[in-house]
Protein backbone atom coordinates (compact mmCIF):
# COMPACT_ATOMS: atom_id res chain seq x y z
CA MET A 1 9.68 12.64 -2.27
CA LYS A 2 6.04 13.40 -0.24
CA LYS A 3 2.96 12.97 -1.83
CA ILE A 4 -0.28 15.23 -0.84
CA ILE A 5 -3.18 12.95 0.01
CA LYS A 6 -6.83 15.02 -0.36
CA THR A 7 -10.36 13.88 -0.31
CA ASP A 8 -13.91 15.68 -0.32
CA LYS A 9 -14.81 12.70 1.54
CA ALA A 10 -13.02 14.44 4.54
CA PRO A 11 -13.07 18.21 5.90
CA ALA A 12 -10.74 20.91 4.04
CA PRO A 13 -8.40 22.08 6.46
CA ILE A 14 -9.02 24.68 8.53
CA GLY A 15 -5.60 26.31 7.81
CA PRO A 16 -2.06 25.84 6.13
CA TYR A 17 -1.89 21.77 6.21
CA ASN A 18 -2.92 18.86 4.62
CA GLN A 19 -5.19 15.99 5.31
CA ALA A 20 -2.12 13.68 5.11
CA VAL A 21 1.36 13.37 3.69
CA LEU A 22 2.37 10.42 2.43
CA VAL A 23 5.99 9.74 2.67
CA ARG A 24 7.31 6.44 0.90
CA ASP A 25 5.13 3.97 2.62
CA THR A 26 4.13 5.94 5.66
CA LEU A 27 0.86 7.72 5.80
CA TYR A 28 0.90 10.89 8.49
CA MET A 29 -2.74 12.16 8.54
CA SER A 30 -3.64 15.62 10.42
CA GLY A 31 -5.88 15.73 13.02
CA GLN A 32 -9.20 15.25 12.64
CA ILE A 33 -12.33 16.90 14.45
CA ALA A 34 -15.99 16.28 14.22
CA ILE A 35 -16.77 18.01 10.93
CA ASP A 36 -19.17 16.50 8.54
CA PRO A 37 -17.90 17.37 4.80
CA THR A 38 -20.84 17.28 3.28
CA THR A 39 -21.68 20.25 5.23
CA GLY A 40 -19.09 21.59 6.73
CA LYS A 41 -20.74 22.09 9.86
CA LEU A 42 -19.48 20.67 13.88
CA VAL A 43 -21.48 17.38 13.84
CA GLU A 44 -23.63 18.27 17.44
CA GLY A 45 -24.32 15.68 20.35
CA THR A 46 -22.37 13.47 22.31
CA VAL A 47 -18.62 13.17 22.53
CA GLN A 48 -19.62 9.56 21.03
CA ASP A 49 -21.37 11.56 18.33
CA GLU A 50 -18.09 13.72 17.57
CA ALA A 51 -15.83 10.60 17.57
CA LYS A 52 -17.91 8.64 15.38
CA GLN A 53 -17.52 11.62 12.96
CA VAL A 54 -13.80 12.06 13.48
CA MET A 55 -13.36 8.08 12.81
CA LYS A 56 -15.39 7.92 9.32
CA ASN A 57 -12.99 11.66 8.61
CA LEU A 58 -10.02 9.35 9.25
CA ALA A 59 -11.12 6.36 7.32
CA ALA A 60 -11.76 8.70 3.84
CA VAL A 61 -8.41 10.15 4.52
CA LEU A 62 -7.29 6.34 5.00
CA ASN A 63 -9.42 5.23 2.13
CA ALA A 64 -7.72 7.97 -0.30
CA ALA A 65 -4.46 6.75 0.32
CA ASP A 66 -5.38 3.61 -0.39
CA MET A 67 -5.04 2.02 3.32
CA THR A 68 -7.36 1.00 5.95
CA PHE A 69 -7.44 1.01 9.48
CA ASP A 70 -5.38 -2.49 9.46
CA ASN A 71 -2.47 0.26 8.29
CA VAL A 72 -2.81 2.28 11.38
CA VAL A 73 0.48 2.30 13.41
CA LYS A 74 0.37 5.52 15.79
CA THR A 75 -2.54 7.34 16.99
CA THR A 76 -2.87 10.17 19.04
CA ILE A 77 -6.07 11.44 21.06
CA PHE A 78 -6.84 14.70 22.22
CA LEU A 79 -9.42 15.14 24.38
CA LYS A 80 -10.79 18.59 25.89
CA ASP A 81 -11.87 16.61 29.29
CA MET A 82 -10.25 13.59 30.56
CA ASN A 83 -13.36 12.13 31.74
CA ASP A 84 -14.81 11.66 28.22
CA PHE A 85 -11.70 8.77 27.70
CA THR A 86 -14.22 5.49 28.25
CA LYS A 87 -16.67 6.97 25.86
CA VAL A 88 -13.96 7.86 23.23
CA ASN A 89 -12.08 4.78 23.65
CA ALA A 90 -15.30 2.65 23.42
CA VAL A 91 -16.04 4.30 19.73
CA TYR A 92 -12.19 3.84 19.05
CA GLY A 93 -12.23 0.26 19.82
CA ASN A 94 -14.85 -0.04 17.66
CA TYR A 95 -12.24 0.14 14.78
CA PHE A 96 -9.21 -1.91 15.86
CA ASP A 97 -8.87 -5.70 16.50
CA GLU A 98 -6.95 -4.92 20.33
CA ALA A 99 -4.19 -7.86 19.35
CA THR A 100 -3.30 -5.83 16.69
CA ALA A 101 -4.26 -2.28 17.66
CA PRO A 102 -1.62 0.78 17.01
CA ALA A 103 0.28 2.38 19.22
CA ARG A 104 -1.65 5.44 21.11
CA GLU A 105 -1.79 8.14 23.35
CA THR A 106 -4.30 10.29 24.80
CA VAL A 107 -3.89 13.41 26.26
CA ALA A 108 -6.30 15.88 27.93
CA VAL A 109 -5.82 19.76 26.44
CA ARG A 110 -7.48 22.78 27.41
CA ASP A 111 -8.94 23.82 24.19
CA LEU A 112 -9.04 22.22 20.31
CA PRO A 113 -10.07 23.62 17.29
CA LYS A 114 -13.68 25.04 17.10
CA PHE A 115 -13.73 23.85 20.66
CA VAL A 116 -14.49 20.41 19.91
CA SER A 117 -14.18 17.72 22.46
CA VAL A 118 -11.99 15.33 20.73
CA GLU A 119 -9.61 15.34 17.87
CA ILE A 120 -7.75 12.13 16.57
CA ALA A 121 -4.28 11.97 14.48
CA MET A 122 -2.73 8.86 12.76
CA ILE A 123 0.37 7.61 11.06
CA ALA A 124 -0.21 4.56 9.02
CA HIS A 125 2.02 2.27 6.97
CA ALA A 126 1.55 0.34 3.92
């Protein structure tokens, strides 16, 4: 059985999907963008500012499932511009121990929802 995970501490979905779905011990988290859940507005500023909000949103979803970044086994980072890789990687790296960091891919895409610069999705396991 699947269990829908949702929290008001992360942005509400902007389409027909959920923040996360828990199947047994595995949490599949939808991609998060830099929407501030308290205002519903996009975070303005640098790509690092966006990445920090994205990670806060992901932390909130993990927390709603009684998990932390230690449970994350796979991430996907979508960038509008691969030149932002180093900047986003620096923010992302603050949330993981390099020795136990999850598997990951980073891809550049033409556009992202709401024309943001970064979106990150994760899979976690209890």
